[in-house]
C-alpha atoms as a PDB file:
ATOM      1  CA  MET A   1      -0.916  30.365  32.793  1.00  0.00           C
ATOM      2  CA  ASP A   2       0.847  31.688  36.212  1.00  0.00           C
ATOM      3  CA  LYS A   3       3.983  33.201  36.255  1.00  0.00           C
ATOM      4  CA  ILE A   4       7.110  30.887  35.547  1.00  0.00           C
ATOM      5  CA  SER A   5       9.417  31.502  39.054  1.00  0.00           C
ATOM      6  CA  ALA A   6      13.213  31.531  38.335  1.00  0.00           C
ATOM      7  CA  GLU A   7      14.140  28.731  40.612  1.00  0.00           C
ATOM      8  CA  ASN A   8      11.057  26.638  38.776  1.00  0.00           C
ATOM      9  CA  VAL A   9      12.609  27.553  34.934  1.00  0.00           C
ATOM     10  CA  GLU A  10      15.785  26.057  36.311  1.00  0.00           C
ATOM     11  CA  LYS A  11      14.711  23.149  37.660  1.00  0.00           C
ATOM     12  CA  ALA A  12      13.537  22.272  35.274  1.00  0.00           C
ATOM     13  CA  TYR A  13      16.932  22.834  32.782  1.00  0.00           C
ATOM     14  CA  ALA A  14      18.652  20.843  34.837  1.00  0.00           C
ATOM     15  CA  ALA A  15      16.009  18.311  33.512  1.00  0.00           C
ATOM     16  CA  ILE A  16      17.437  19.019  30.166  1.00  0.00           C
ATOM     17  CA  CYS A  17      20.724  20.044  30.448  1.00  0.00           C
ATOM     18  CA  GLY A  18      23.428  17.876  29.486  1.00  0.00           C
ATOM     19  CA  LEU A  19      21.663  15.581  27.411  1.00  0.00           C
ATOM     20  CA  THR A  20      23.124  12.871  25.258  1.00  0.00           C
ATOM     21  CA  SER A  21      22.633  13.194  21.063  1.00  0.00           C
ATOM     22  CA  GLN A  22      20.222  10.228  21.926  1.00  0.00           C
ATOM     23  CA  GLU A  23      17.601  12.374  24.424  1.00  0.00           C
ATOM     24  CA  ALA A  24      18.175  16.016  22.372  1.00  0.00           C
ATOM     25  CA  TYR A  25      17.378  13.539  19.218  1.00  0.00           C
ATOM     26  CA  ARG A  26      13.939  13.017  21.610  1.00  0.00           C
ATOM     27  CA  LEU A  27      13.505  16.180  22.667  1.00  0.00           C
ATOM     28  CA  SER A  28      13.294  17.487  18.995  1.00  0.00           C
ATOM     29  CA  TYR A  29      10.487  14.592  18.092  1.00  0.00           C
ATOM     30  CA  ASP A  30       8.946  15.792  21.036  1.00  0.00           C
ATOM     31  CA  PHE A  31       8.747  19.503  20.391  1.00  0.00           C
ATOM     32  CA  GLN A  32       8.059  18.453  15.962  1.00  0.00           C
ATOM     33  CA  LYS A  33       5.038  15.517  17.198  1.00  0.00           C
ATOM     34  CA  ASN A  34       3.373  18.336  20.053  1.00  0.00           C
ATOM     35  CA  GLN A  35       4.045  21.455  18.102  1.00  0.00           C
ATOM     36  CA  PRO A  36       4.039  21.202  14.828  1.00  0.00           C
ATOM     37  CA  LEU A  37       3.003  25.360  14.250  1.00  0.00           C
ATOM     38  CA  LEU A  38       5.778  26.318  16.576  1.00  0.00           C
ATOM     39  CA  VAL A  39       8.013  23.632  14.304  1.00  0.00           C
ATOM     40  CA  ALA A  40       6.707  25.556  11.322  1.00  0.00           C
ATOM     41  CA  TYR A  41       7.178  28.990  12.419  1.00  0.00           C
ATOM     42  CA  LEU A  42      10.954  28.547  13.914  1.00  0.00           C
ATOM     43  CA  SER A  43      11.579  26.930  10.771  1.00  0.00           C
ATOM     44  CA  THR A  44      10.769  29.228   8.288  1.00  0.00           C
ATOM     45  CA  VAL A  45      10.236  33.066  10.452  1.00  0.00           C
ATOM     46  CA  ASP A  46      12.853  35.582   9.271  1.00  0.00           C
ATOM     47  CA  LYS A  47      14.568  32.545   7.262  1.00  0.00           C
ATOM     48  CA  ALA A  48      15.358  35.460   4.577  1.00  0.00           C
ATOM     49  CA  ILE A  49      18.218  37.168   7.310  1.00  0.00           C
ATOM     50  CA  LEU A  50      18.463  34.452   9.313  1.00  0.00           C
ATOM     51  CA  ASN A  51      21.519  31.584   8.585  1.00  0.00           C
ATOM     52  CA  GLN A  52      21.500  28.250   8.563  1.00  0.00           C
ATOM     53  CA  GLU A  53      23.259  28.452  12.283  1.00  0.00           C
ATOM     54  CA  GLU A  54      21.105  31.664  13.232  1.00  0.00           C
ATOM     55  CA  ILE A  55      18.093  29.152  12.169  1.00  0.00           C
ATOM     56  CA  GLU A  56      18.872  25.953  14.016  1.00  0.00           C
ATOM     57  CA  LEU A  57      20.356  27.586  17.395  1.00  0.00           C
ATOM     58  CA  LEU A  58      16.692  29.555  16.967  1.00  0.00           C
ATOM     59  CA  PHE A  59      14.617  25.709  16.916  1.00  0.00           C
ATOM     60  CA  TYR A  60      17.294  24.668  19.736  1.00  0.00           C
ATOM     61  CA  LEU A  61      16.378  27.048  22.235  1.00  0.00           C
ATOM     62  CA  GLY A  62      12.411  27.040  21.392  1.00  0.00           C
ATOM     63  CA  ALA A  63      12.639  23.728  22.225  1.00  0.00           C
ATOM     64  CA  ILE A  64      14.154  24.106  25.221  1.00  0.00           C
ATOM     65  CA  ALA A  65      11.402  26.850  26.018  1.00  0.00           C
ATOM     66  CA  TRP A  66       8.739  24.957  25.328  1.00  0.00           C
ATOM     67  CA  LYS A  67      10.304  21.587  27.553  1.00  0.00           C
ATOM     68  CA  ILE A  68      10.856  24.388  30.734  1.00  0.00           C
ATOM     69  CA  MET A  69       7.615  25.690  29.894  1.00  0.00           C
ATOM     70  CA  SER A  70       5.663  22.122  29.613  1.00  0.00           C
ATOM     71  CA  LEU A  71       7.858  20.964  32.513  1.00  0.00           C
ATOM     72  CA  VAL A  72       6.592  23.411  34.954  1.00  0.00           C
ATOM     73  CA  ASN A  73       2.586  23.630  33.809  1.00  0.00           C
ATOM     74  CA  ASN A  74       1.421  20.742  31.178  1.00  0.00           C
ATOM     75  CA  LYS A  75      -1.491  22.871  30.069  1.00  0.00           C
ATOM     76  CA  ILE A  76      -0.200  24.185  26.864  1.00  0.00           C
ATOM     77  CA  PRO A  77      -2.645  25.036  24.774  1.00  0.00           C
ATOM     78  CA  GLU A  78      -3.590  23.951  21.118  1.00  0.00           C
ATOM     79  CA  ALA A  79      -1.941  25.402  17.964  1.00  0.00           C
ATOM     80  CA  ASN A  80      -3.692  27.744  17.338  1.00  0.00           C
ATOM     81  CA  GLN A  81      -2.353  29.499  13.862  1.00  0.00           C
ATOM     82  CA  ASP A  82      -4.409  33.155  14.324  1.00  0.00           C
ATOM     83  CA  SER A  83      -3.192  33.278  17.819  1.00  0.00           C
ATOM     84  CA  LEU A  84       0.732  32.747  16.560  1.00  0.00           C
ATOM     85  CA  LEU A  85       0.353  35.398  14.109  1.00  0.00           C
ATOM     86  CA  LEU A  86      -1.225  37.859  16.395  1.00  0.00           C
ATOM     87  CA  ILE A  87       1.403  37.432  18.787  1.00  0.00           C
ATOM     88  CA  GLU A  88       4.290  38.227  16.257  1.00  0.00           C
ATOM     89  CA  SER A  89       2.406  40.933  14.535  1.00  0.00           C
ATOM     90  CA  SER A  90       2.478  42.842  18.133  1.00  0.00           C
ATOM     91  CA  ASN A  91       6.195  41.614  18.483  1.00  0.00           C
ATOM     92  CA  GLN A  92       7.380  43.718  15.102  1.00  0.00           C
ATOM     93  CA  LYS A  93       7.700  47.034  16.193  1.00  0.00           C
ATOM     94  CA  LEU A  94       9.866  45.110  19.779  1.00  0.00           C
ATOM     95  CA  ALA A  95      12.239  43.703  16.795  1.00  0.00           C
ATOM     96  CA  GLU A  96      12.875  47.303  14.748  1.00  0.00           C
ATOM     97  CA  SER A  97      13.825  48.683  17.494  1.00  0.00           C
ATOM     98  CA  LEU A  98      16.564  46.049  18.899  1.00  0.00           C
ATOM     99  CA  ARG A  99      17.959  45.896  15.290  1.00  0.00           C
ATOM    100  CA  SER A 100      18.748  49.451  15.493  1.00  0.00           C
ATOM    101  CA  THR A 101      20.329  49.694  18.655  1.00  0.00           C
ATOM    102  CA  ASP A 102      23.347  50.175  19.872  1.00  0.00           C
ATOM    103  CA  CYS A 103      25.339  48.163  22.787  1.00  0.00           C
ATOM    104  CA  VAL A 104      23.846  50.471  25.492  1.00  0.00           C
ATOM    105  CA  LYS A 105      20.336  51.046  24.135  1.00  0.00           C
ATOM    106  CA  PHE A 106      19.870  46.871  23.711  1.00  0.00           C
ATOM    107  CA  ALA A 107      20.346  46.067  27.396  1.00  0.00           C
ATOM    108  CA  ASP A 108      17.673  48.630  27.789  1.00  0.00           C
ATOM    109  CA  VAL A 109      15.428  47.137  25.541  1.00  0.00           C
ATOM    110  CA  ILE A 110      15.954  43.966  26.566  1.00  0.00           C
ATOM    111  CA  LYS A 111      14.677  45.173  30.258  1.00  0.00           C
ATOM    112  CA  ALA A 112      11.503  46.647  28.274  1.00  0.00           C
ATOM    113  CA  LEU A 113      10.661  43.269  27.241  1.00  0.00           C
ATOM    114  CA  LEU A 114      11.498  41.291  30.036  1.00  0.00           C
ATOM    115  CA  LYS A 115       9.170  43.811  31.612  1.00  0.00           C
ATOM    116  CA  ASP A 116       6.816  43.324  28.685  1.00  0.00           C
ATOM    117  CA  CYS A 117       6.963  39.580  28.349  1.00  0.00           C
ATOM    118  CA  SER A 118       4.024  37.198  30.095  1.00  0.00           C
ATOM    119  CA  GLN A 119       7.366  34.945  31.653  1.00  0.00           C
ATOM    120  CA  PRO A 120      10.144  36.908  32.076  1.00  0.00           C
ATOM    121  CA  GLU A 121      11.596  34.505  33.754  1.00  0.00           C
ATOM    122  CA  VAL A 122      11.634  31.624  30.786  1.00  0.00           C
ATOM    123  CA  LEU A 123      12.911  34.498  28.822  1.00  0.00           C
ATOM    124  CA  ARG A 124      15.382  35.659  30.944  1.00  0.00           C
ATOM    125  CA  TYR A 125      16.586  32.305  30.882  1.00  0.00           C
ATOM    126  CA  ILE A 126      16.633  31.716  26.945  1.00  0.00           C
ATOM    127  CA  ILE A 127      18.632  34.744  26.308  1.00  0.00           C
ATOM    128  CA  ALA A 128      21.061  34.449  28.945  1.00  0.00           C
ATOM    129  CA  ALA A 129      21.353  30.925  27.180  1.00  0.00           C
ATOM    130  CA  LEU A 130      21.700  32.415  23.546  1.00  0.00           C
ATOM    131  CA  MET A 131      24.037  34.984  24.694  1.00  0.00           C
ATOM    132  CA  ASP A 132      26.055  31.864  25.839  1.00  0.00           C
ATOM    133  CA  GLU A 133      25.783  30.242  23.281  1.00  0.00           C
ATOM    134  CA  ASP A 134      26.743  32.879  20.968  1.00  0.00           C
ATOM    135  CA  LYS A 135      29.488  33.291  23.266  1.00  0.00           C
ATOM    136  CA  ALA A 136      31.202  30.470  22.706  1.00  0.00           C
ATOM    137  CA  GLU A 137      30.660  29.356  19.067  1.00  0.00           C
ATOM    138  CA  ASN A 138      30.050  33.306  18.057  1.00  0.00           C
ATOM    139  CA  SER A 139      27.449  31.829  16.105  1.00  0.00           C
ATOM    140  CA  VAL A 140      24.763  34.706  15.858  1.00  0.00           C
ATOM    141  CA  ARG A 141      25.530  38.144  13.826  1.00  0.00           C
ATOM    142  CA  ASP A 142      25.623  40.737  16.239  1.00  0.00           C
ATOM    143  CA  GLU A 143      22.545  42.387  13.780  1.00  0.00           C
ATOM    144  CA  ASN A 144      20.687  39.518  14.357  1.00  0.00           C
ATOM    145  CA  LEU A 145      20.331  39.053  18.554  1.00  0.00           C
ATOM    146  CA  GLY A 146      17.579  40.909  18.400  1.00  0.00           C
ATOM    147  CA  ILE A 147      15.650  39.667  15.479  1.00  0.00           C
ATOM    148  CA  ILE A 148      15.848  35.774  17.332  1.00  0.00           C
ATOM    149  CA  ILE A 149      15.172  37.353  20.982  1.00  0.00           C
ATOM    150  CA  THR A 150      11.924  38.245  19.921  1.00  0.00           C
ATOM    151  CA  ASP A 151      11.178  35.045  17.774  1.00  0.00           C
ATOM    152  CA  LEU A 152      11.820  33.303  21.167  1.00  0.00           C
ATOM    153  CA  LYS A 153       9.861  36.049  22.642  1.00  0.00           C
ATOM    154  CA  THR A 154       6.728  35.232  20.257  1.00  0.00           C
ATOM    155  CA  VAL A 155       7.379  31.425  21.101  1.00  0.00           C
ATOM    156  CA  ILE A 156       6.754  32.084  24.590  1.00  0.00           C
ATOM    157  CA  GLU A 157       4.425  34.487  24.952  1.00  0.00           C
ATOM    158  CA  TYR A 158       2.131  31.863  22.243  1.00  0.00           C
ATOM    159  CA  LEU A 159       3.077  28.994  24.653  1.00  0.00           C
ATOM    160  CA  ASP A 160       1.729  30.722  27.583  1.00  0.00           C
ATOM    161  CA  ARG A 161      -1.821  32.214  26.145  1.00  0.00           C
END
């Protein structure tokens, strides 16, 4: 898939922001129907580490990433567990470095993460949404931000393969 521009990410996000509860339910339903492997991944990955609010936020942002990418390019590949596990494995070292960094280094790691991502503008937008959501509700523990970002990077790269 070609790199998605910031402009296209913003257009796609504008099409899905401000959803009514019925539309949000439909987004969740469509995500589950079209990406059952990703739904299973997001529902179980890091379940021993993340609390329920963090898991729900991870699922929500994963669904938004999927919707953005499918609105811009509707050629999302079929589910493939081996591909997902390979991508997740390649991101594990990154997760470890994010987990053990202070705030100054965290910003540097995020820059490197964006540079490494196949769809940096999608990831940049999802990280911004995560930070905004976390500021508003304070639902993500600091030590888990890196884990959630890495899981979302895995989702984006899986959808981009």
